Each structure stands twice: as C-alpha cells, then as structure tokens.
Amino acid sequence: MRAFTLNTEGAITTDPVKGLIHRVKTHNNLTFKVFSDSPISVQLEQDYSSLERKIFITDNKDGSYTVTIMQVISDMQIYISALDAKSTIITYGDAGDDGSTGNAVIAADAVWASSGTLFVQAASPGTLSVYSLTGQLIKQVAVSGNYSAALPKGLYIVQLNGKAYKIVN
C-alpha cells in the first residue's frame, strides 16, 4: 500500500477529503474527484513526477474534475490549484511556445489496462480494435471519450485513431 495526501489552495474541495493521509494499492491507478469553479492544475512532488507517470484530468462539466494517476508506485503529496480562465494547459513535460512546462494533460488518446479492465480515453471519436498477439480480432467498438471493458489477462495490440498500443493486462 502507498500513502497519498491531497493538498489544495483556496475553495477547492476533494473526494477523498484533502489534508488527510489516504492509501492506494501499489501499482494500482489512483482516481479522485476535485470540485472547483475553475480549471485545475495537478502537480506531484518532484521525485514522483520525474518517473513520468501519466496524469489524466477529466472535466465532468458539473463543477467537478476526475483525476487519475496511473500505476502508483510510491507515497506522494498531490498539489491541486485553480487556474484562471487565461491559463494555457499543456501536456506534462512538453514545452509551450514561451518555454514553460506544465503537468496537466490536454486532449490525447490514451489506452491502458489494469486489474482485468481495458481503459480508453479517446480525444476524438474513433474505432477501437483489440487484437491478440496472433492477430485475431477480439473486440471492435466505436468509442468517444472514456470507455472501459473487461479484458482477460494477457498481451494485446490495441488500435485507436490510427495508432497501435501494446497492452499487458
């Protein structure tokens, strides 16, 4: 088990509650909700961020955001702050036009598996195809936004919007 604490600024609230120590199983994804009237920024302490773990922020369009941090492997402090309407959100680790960097994730396709489930975050509508290593089509479905489905343990090739992903479940 790994410990994490949610830290916020201003009127931001979280579920689970901020300021307390919470636990997540090692190598599992951590998902929590953030309630804010403004877009948010999520930052992790430096030693965890350097591992280039993926952070997904989904605007639920109801004043809340769902944040998922992939495959937690260490204890961490998570810092959440509100952005003003003029802020530019760029992908973690990429440089903006002015040389700045950020750690929020903009719309991009993402495909991963964990604990018997295939997870997909499609930036645009497309066709998801799941193949066995022998090339047999296992599943094909139209996706838009977030999608998940049961997927037996194994190795797979997943295609989405012209890209192929190797998946180990």
C-alpha atoms as a PDB file:
ATOM      1  CA  MET A   1       0.000   0.000   0.000  1.00  0.00           C
ATOM      2  CA  ARG A   2       1.103   3.553  -0.763  1.00  0.00           C
ATOM      3  CA  ALA A   3       0.114   6.710   1.098  1.00  0.00           C
ATOM      4  CA  PHE A   4      -1.024   9.915  -0.568  1.00  0.00           C
ATOM      5  CA  THR A   5      -2.250  13.288   0.643  1.00  0.00           C
ATOM      6  CA  LEU A   6      -4.329  15.769  -1.351  1.00  0.00           C
ATOM      7  CA  ASN A   7      -3.322  19.408  -0.802  1.00  0.00           C
ATOM      8  CA  THR A   8      -5.366  22.300  -2.226  1.00  0.00           C
ATOM      9  CA  GLU A   9      -5.441  26.063  -2.373  1.00  0.00           C
ATOM     10  CA  GLY A  10      -8.488  28.280  -1.896  1.00  0.00           C
ATOM     11  CA  ALA A  11     -12.044  26.974  -2.119  1.00  0.00           C
ATOM     12  CA  ILE A  12     -11.154  23.695  -3.869  1.00  0.00           C
ATOM     13  CA  THR A  13     -12.555  20.566  -2.212  1.00  0.00           C
ATOM     14  CA  THR A  14     -11.774  16.921  -2.931  1.00  0.00           C
ATOM     15  CA  ASP A  15     -13.165  13.431  -2.515  1.00  0.00           C
ATOM     16  CA  PRO A  16     -11.498  11.849  -0.610  1.00  0.00           C
ATOM     17  CA  VAL A  17     -11.061  14.788   1.740  1.00  0.00           C
ATOM     18  CA  LYS A  18      -7.927  16.936   1.460  1.00  0.00           C
ATOM     19  CA  GLY A  19      -5.262  17.101   4.154  1.00  0.00           C
ATOM     20  CA  LEU A  20      -5.580  13.526   5.404  1.00  0.00           C
ATOM     21  CA  ILE A  21      -3.399  10.525   4.619  1.00  0.00           C
ATOM     22  CA  HIS A  22      -5.140   8.067   2.283  1.00  0.00           C
ATOM     23  CA  ARG A  23      -3.944   4.737   0.864  1.00  0.00           C
ATOM     24  CA  VAL A  24      -3.906   3.067  -2.558  1.00  0.00           C
ATOM     25  CA  LYS A  25      -2.578  -0.364  -3.517  1.00  0.00           C
ATOM     26  CA  THR A  26       0.875  -0.320  -5.103  1.00  0.00           C
ATOM     27  CA  HIS A  27       0.749  -0.433  -8.942  1.00  0.00           C
ATOM     28  CA  ASN A  28      -2.975   0.457  -8.969  1.00  0.00           C
ATOM     29  CA  ASN A  29      -4.387   3.608 -10.520  1.00  0.00           C
ATOM     30  CA  LEU A  30      -5.423   6.363  -8.127  1.00  0.00           C
ATOM     31  CA  THR A  31      -8.658   8.177  -9.017  1.00  0.00           C
ATOM     32  CA  PHE A  32     -10.167  11.056  -7.056  1.00  0.00           C
ATOM     33  CA  LYS A  33     -12.593  13.945  -7.596  1.00  0.00           C
ATOM     34  CA  VAL A  34     -11.845  17.648  -7.362  1.00  0.00           C
ATOM     35  CA  PHE A  35     -14.588  20.266  -7.008  1.00  0.00           C
ATOM     36  CA  SER A  36     -13.658  23.696  -8.378  1.00  0.00           C
ATOM     37  CA  ASP A  37     -15.359  26.550 -10.242  1.00  0.00           C
ATOM     38  CA  SER A  38     -12.164  27.000 -12.312  1.00  0.00           C
ATOM     39  CA  PRO A  39      -9.985  24.633 -14.346  1.00  0.00           C
ATOM     40  CA  ILE A  40      -7.373  22.903 -12.188  1.00  0.00           C
ATOM     41  CA  SER A  41      -3.698  22.080 -12.185  1.00  0.00           C
ATOM     42  CA  VAL A  42      -2.416  18.880 -10.564  1.00  0.00           C
ATOM     43  CA  GLN A  43       1.211  18.640  -9.509  1.00  0.00           C
ATOM     44  CA  LEU A  44       3.067  15.816  -7.816  1.00  0.00           C
ATOM     45  CA  GLU A  45       6.121  16.061  -5.609  1.00  0.00           C
ATOM     46  CA  GLN A  46       9.296  16.162  -7.694  1.00  0.00           C
ATOM     47  CA  ASP A  47      10.618  12.632  -7.106  1.00  0.00           C
ATOM     48  CA  TYR A  48       7.329  11.055  -8.258  1.00  0.00           C
ATOM     49  CA  SER A  49       6.861  13.426 -11.228  1.00  0.00           C
ATOM     50  CA  SER A  50      10.283  12.518 -12.562  1.00  0.00           C
ATOM     51  CA  LEU A  51       9.023   8.986 -13.184  1.00  0.00           C
ATOM     52  CA  GLU A  52       6.809  10.390 -15.995  1.00  0.00           C
ATOM     53  CA  ARG A  53       3.643   8.724 -14.741  1.00  0.00           C
ATOM     54  CA  LYS A  54       0.538   9.751 -16.638  1.00  0.00           C
ATOM     55  CA  ILE A  55      -2.000  12.033 -15.035  1.00  0.00           C
ATOM     56  CA  PHE A  56      -5.452  12.339 -16.612  1.00  0.00           C
ATOM     57  CA  ILE A  57      -7.790  15.196 -15.745  1.00  0.00           C
ATOM     58  CA  THR A  58     -11.372  14.911 -16.979  1.00  0.00           C
ATOM     59  CA  ASP A  59     -13.755  17.884 -16.801  1.00  0.00           C
ATOM     60  CA  ASN A  60     -17.091  16.376 -15.732  1.00  0.00           C
ATOM     61  CA  LYS A  61     -18.885  19.587 -16.839  1.00  0.00           C
ATOM     62  CA  ASP A  62     -20.648  19.857 -13.478  1.00  0.00           C
ATOM     63  CA  GLY A  63     -18.061  21.808 -11.483  1.00  0.00           C
ATOM     64  CA  SER A  64     -16.035  18.684 -10.772  1.00  0.00           C
ATOM     65  CA  TYR A  65     -12.976  17.033 -12.276  1.00  0.00           C
ATOM     66  CA  THR A  66     -11.942  13.385 -12.148  1.00  0.00           C
ATOM     67  CA  VAL A  67      -8.189  12.920 -11.753  1.00  0.00           C
ATOM     68  CA  THR A  68      -6.462   9.599 -12.416  1.00  0.00           C
ATOM     69  CA  ILE A  69      -2.778   8.990 -11.665  1.00  0.00           C
ATOM     70  CA  MET A  70      -1.572   5.830 -13.358  1.00  0.00           C
ATOM     71  CA  GLN A  71       0.166   2.964 -11.554  1.00  0.00           C
ATOM     72  CA  VAL A  72       1.114   4.456  -8.196  1.00  0.00           C
ATOM     73  CA  ILE A  73       4.486   3.102  -7.050  1.00  0.00           C
ATOM     74  CA  SER A  74       5.441   5.416  -4.198  1.00  0.00           C
ATOM     75  CA  ASP A  75       4.000   7.581  -1.452  1.00  0.00           C
ATOM     76  CA  MET A  76       3.190  11.074  -2.690  1.00  0.00           C
ATOM     77  CA  GLN A  77       1.912  14.534  -1.983  1.00  0.00           C
ATOM     78  CA  ILE A  78      -0.554  15.812  -4.595  1.00  0.00           C
ATOM     79  CA  TYR A  79      -0.978  19.580  -5.010  1.00  0.00           C
ATOM     80  CA  ILE A  80      -4.147  20.904  -6.649  1.00  0.00           C
ATOM     81  CA  SER A  81      -4.694  24.544  -7.552  1.00  0.00           C
ATOM     82  CA  ALA A  82      -7.188  26.534  -9.617  1.00  0.00           C
ATOM     83  CA  LEU A  83      -6.170  28.066 -12.921  1.00  0.00           C
ATOM     84  CA  ASP A  84      -7.543  31.362 -14.174  1.00  0.00           C
ATOM     85  CA  ALA A  85      -9.504  31.427 -17.429  1.00  0.00           C
ATOM     86  CA  LYS A  86      -6.452  32.746 -19.350  1.00  0.00           C
ATOM     87  CA  SER A  87      -4.186  29.859 -18.360  1.00  0.00           C
ATOM     88  CA  THR A  88      -2.774  27.582 -21.022  1.00  0.00           C
ATOM     89  CA  ILE A  89      -2.796  23.887 -20.238  1.00  0.00           C
ATOM     90  CA  ILE A  90      -0.100  21.838 -21.951  1.00  0.00           C
ATOM     91  CA  THR A  91       0.958  18.221 -21.812  1.00  0.00           C
ATOM     92  CA  TYR A  92       3.204  17.098 -18.937  1.00  0.00           C
ATOM     93  CA  GLY A  93       6.842  17.505 -19.833  1.00  0.00           C
ATOM     94  CA  ASP A  94       6.264  19.346 -23.138  1.00  0.00           C
ATOM     95  CA  ALA A  95       7.439  22.903 -23.602  1.00  0.00           C
ATOM     96  CA  GLY A  96       4.997  25.652 -24.572  1.00  0.00           C
ATOM     97  CA  ASP A  97       5.757  28.439 -27.053  1.00  0.00           C
ATOM     98  CA  ASP A  98       7.237  30.502 -24.248  1.00  0.00           C
ATOM     99  CA  GLY A  99       9.401  27.618 -22.972  1.00  0.00           C
ATOM    100  CA  SER A 100       7.151  26.959 -19.982  1.00  0.00           C
ATOM    101  CA  THR A 101       6.232  23.461 -18.883  1.00  0.00           C
ATOM    102  CA  GLY A 102       3.210  22.066 -17.144  1.00  0.00           C
ATOM    103  CA  ASN A 103       1.863  18.790 -15.872  1.00  0.00           C
ATOM    104  CA  ALA A 104      -1.770  18.840 -16.944  1.00  0.00           C
ATOM    105  CA  VAL A 105      -2.783  16.572 -19.808  1.00  0.00           C
ATOM    106  CA  ILE A 106      -4.531  18.027 -22.847  1.00  0.00           C
ATOM    107  CA  ALA A 107      -6.816  16.017 -25.088  1.00  0.00           C
ATOM    108  CA  ALA A 108      -4.871  12.999 -26.310  1.00  0.00           C
ATOM    109  CA  ASP A 109      -5.701   9.351 -26.842  1.00  0.00           C
ATOM    110  CA  ALA A 110      -4.662   7.035 -24.026  1.00  0.00           C
ATOM    111  CA  VAL A 111      -5.035   3.267 -23.760  1.00  0.00           C
ATOM    112  CA  TRP A 112      -4.052   1.136 -20.748  1.00  0.00           C
ATOM    113  CA  ALA A 113      -5.114  -1.947 -18.800  1.00  0.00           C
ATOM    114  CA  SER A 114      -5.253  -2.640 -15.098  1.00  0.00           C
ATOM    115  CA  SER A 115      -6.772  -5.396 -12.948  1.00  0.00           C
ATOM    116  CA  GLY A 116      -8.638  -7.106 -15.796  1.00  0.00           C
ATOM    117  CA  THR A 117     -10.032  -3.930 -17.354  1.00  0.00           C
ATOM    118  CA  LEU A 118      -9.120  -2.104 -20.563  1.00  0.00           C
ATOM    119  CA  PHE A 119      -9.328   1.695 -20.210  1.00  0.00           C
ATOM    120  CA  VAL A 120      -9.534   4.094 -23.145  1.00  0.00           C
ATOM    121  CA  GLN A 121      -9.552   7.868 -23.227  1.00  0.00           C
ATOM    122  CA  ALA A 122     -10.366   8.897 -26.820  1.00  0.00           C
ATOM    123  CA  ALA A 123      -9.656  12.525 -27.648  1.00  0.00           C
ATOM    124  CA  SER A 124     -11.899  12.217 -30.707  1.00  0.00           C
ATOM    125  CA  PRO A 125     -14.469   9.636 -31.817  1.00  0.00           C
ATOM    126  CA  GLY A 126     -12.935   6.572 -33.412  1.00  0.00           C
ATOM    127  CA  THR A 127     -12.915   2.816 -33.728  1.00  0.00           C
ATOM    128  CA  LEU A 128     -11.199   0.765 -31.030  1.00  0.00           C
ATOM    129  CA  SER A 129      -9.868  -2.615 -32.185  1.00  0.00           C
ATOM    130  CA  VAL A 130      -8.357  -5.165 -29.798  1.00  0.00           C
ATOM    131  CA  TYR A 131      -6.216  -7.966 -31.252  1.00  0.00           C
ATOM    132  CA  SER A 132      -4.499 -10.994 -29.754  1.00  0.00           C
ATOM    133  CA  LEU A 133      -0.767 -11.389 -30.408  1.00  0.00           C
ATOM    134  CA  THR A 134      -1.664 -13.856 -33.174  1.00  0.00           C
ATOM    135  CA  GLY A 135      -3.669 -11.124 -34.948  1.00  0.00           C
ATOM    136  CA  GLN A 136      -7.144 -12.399 -34.085  1.00  0.00           C
ATOM    137  CA  LEU A 137      -9.685  -9.583 -33.684  1.00  0.00           C
ATOM    138  CA  ILE A 138     -11.082  -9.888 -30.156  1.00  0.00           C
ATOM    139  CA  LYS A 139     -13.192  -6.735 -29.883  1.00  0.00           C
ATOM    140  CA  GLN A 140     -14.123  -3.811 -32.097  1.00  0.00           C
ATOM    141  CA  VAL A 141     -16.276  -0.915 -30.907  1.00  0.00           C
ATOM    142  CA  ALA A 142     -16.890   2.761 -31.677  1.00  0.00           C
ATOM    143  CA  VAL A 143     -15.608   4.947 -28.831  1.00  0.00           C
ATOM    144  CA  SER A 144     -15.895   8.604 -27.914  1.00  0.00           C
ATOM    145  CA  GLY A 145     -14.491   9.979 -24.673  1.00  0.00           C
ATOM    146  CA  ASN A 146     -13.891   7.500 -21.857  1.00  0.00           C
ATOM    147  CA  TYR A 147     -14.502   3.770 -22.366  1.00  0.00           C
ATOM    148  CA  SER A 148     -13.719   0.676 -20.327  1.00  0.00           C
ATOM    149  CA  ALA A 149     -14.342  -3.043 -20.785  1.00  0.00           C
ATOM    150  CA  ALA A 150     -13.363  -6.307 -19.152  1.00  0.00           C
ATOM    151  CA  LEU A 151     -10.223  -7.781 -20.691  1.00  0.00           C
ATOM    152  CA  PRO A 152      -8.733 -11.145 -19.644  1.00  0.00           C
ATOM    153  CA  LYS A 153      -5.102 -11.232 -18.549  1.00  0.00           C
ATOM    154  CA  GLY A 154      -2.709 -11.406 -21.472  1.00  0.00           C
ATOM    155  CA  LEU A 155      -0.872  -9.427 -24.143  1.00  0.00           C
ATOM    156  CA  TYR A 156      -2.817  -7.413 -26.722  1.00  0.00           C
ATOM    157  CA  ILE A 157      -2.412  -4.948 -29.579  1.00  0.00           C
ATOM    158  CA  VAL A 158      -4.997  -2.174 -29.431  1.00  0.00           C
ATOM    159  CA  GLN A 159      -5.615   0.227 -32.314  1.00  0.00           C
ATOM    160  CA  LEU A 160      -7.317   3.591 -31.852  1.00  0.00           C
ATOM    161  CA  ASN A 161      -7.411   6.571 -34.213  1.00  0.00           C
ATOM    162  CA  GLY A 162      -4.546   5.320 -36.380  1.00  0.00           C
ATOM    163  CA  LYS A 163      -2.212   4.404 -33.512  1.00  0.00           C
ATOM    164  CA  ALA A 164      -1.321   0.992 -32.113  1.00  0.00           C
ATOM    165  CA  TYR A 165      -0.697   0.295 -28.417  1.00  0.00           C
ATOM    166  CA  LYS A 166       0.881  -2.763 -26.771  1.00  0.00           C
ATOM    167  CA  ILE A 167      -1.194  -3.694 -23.730  1.00  0.00           C
ATOM    168  CA  VAL A 168      -0.231  -6.067 -20.917  1.00  0.00           C
ATOM    169  CA  ASN A 169      -3.086  -6.918 -18.596  1.00  0.00           C
END
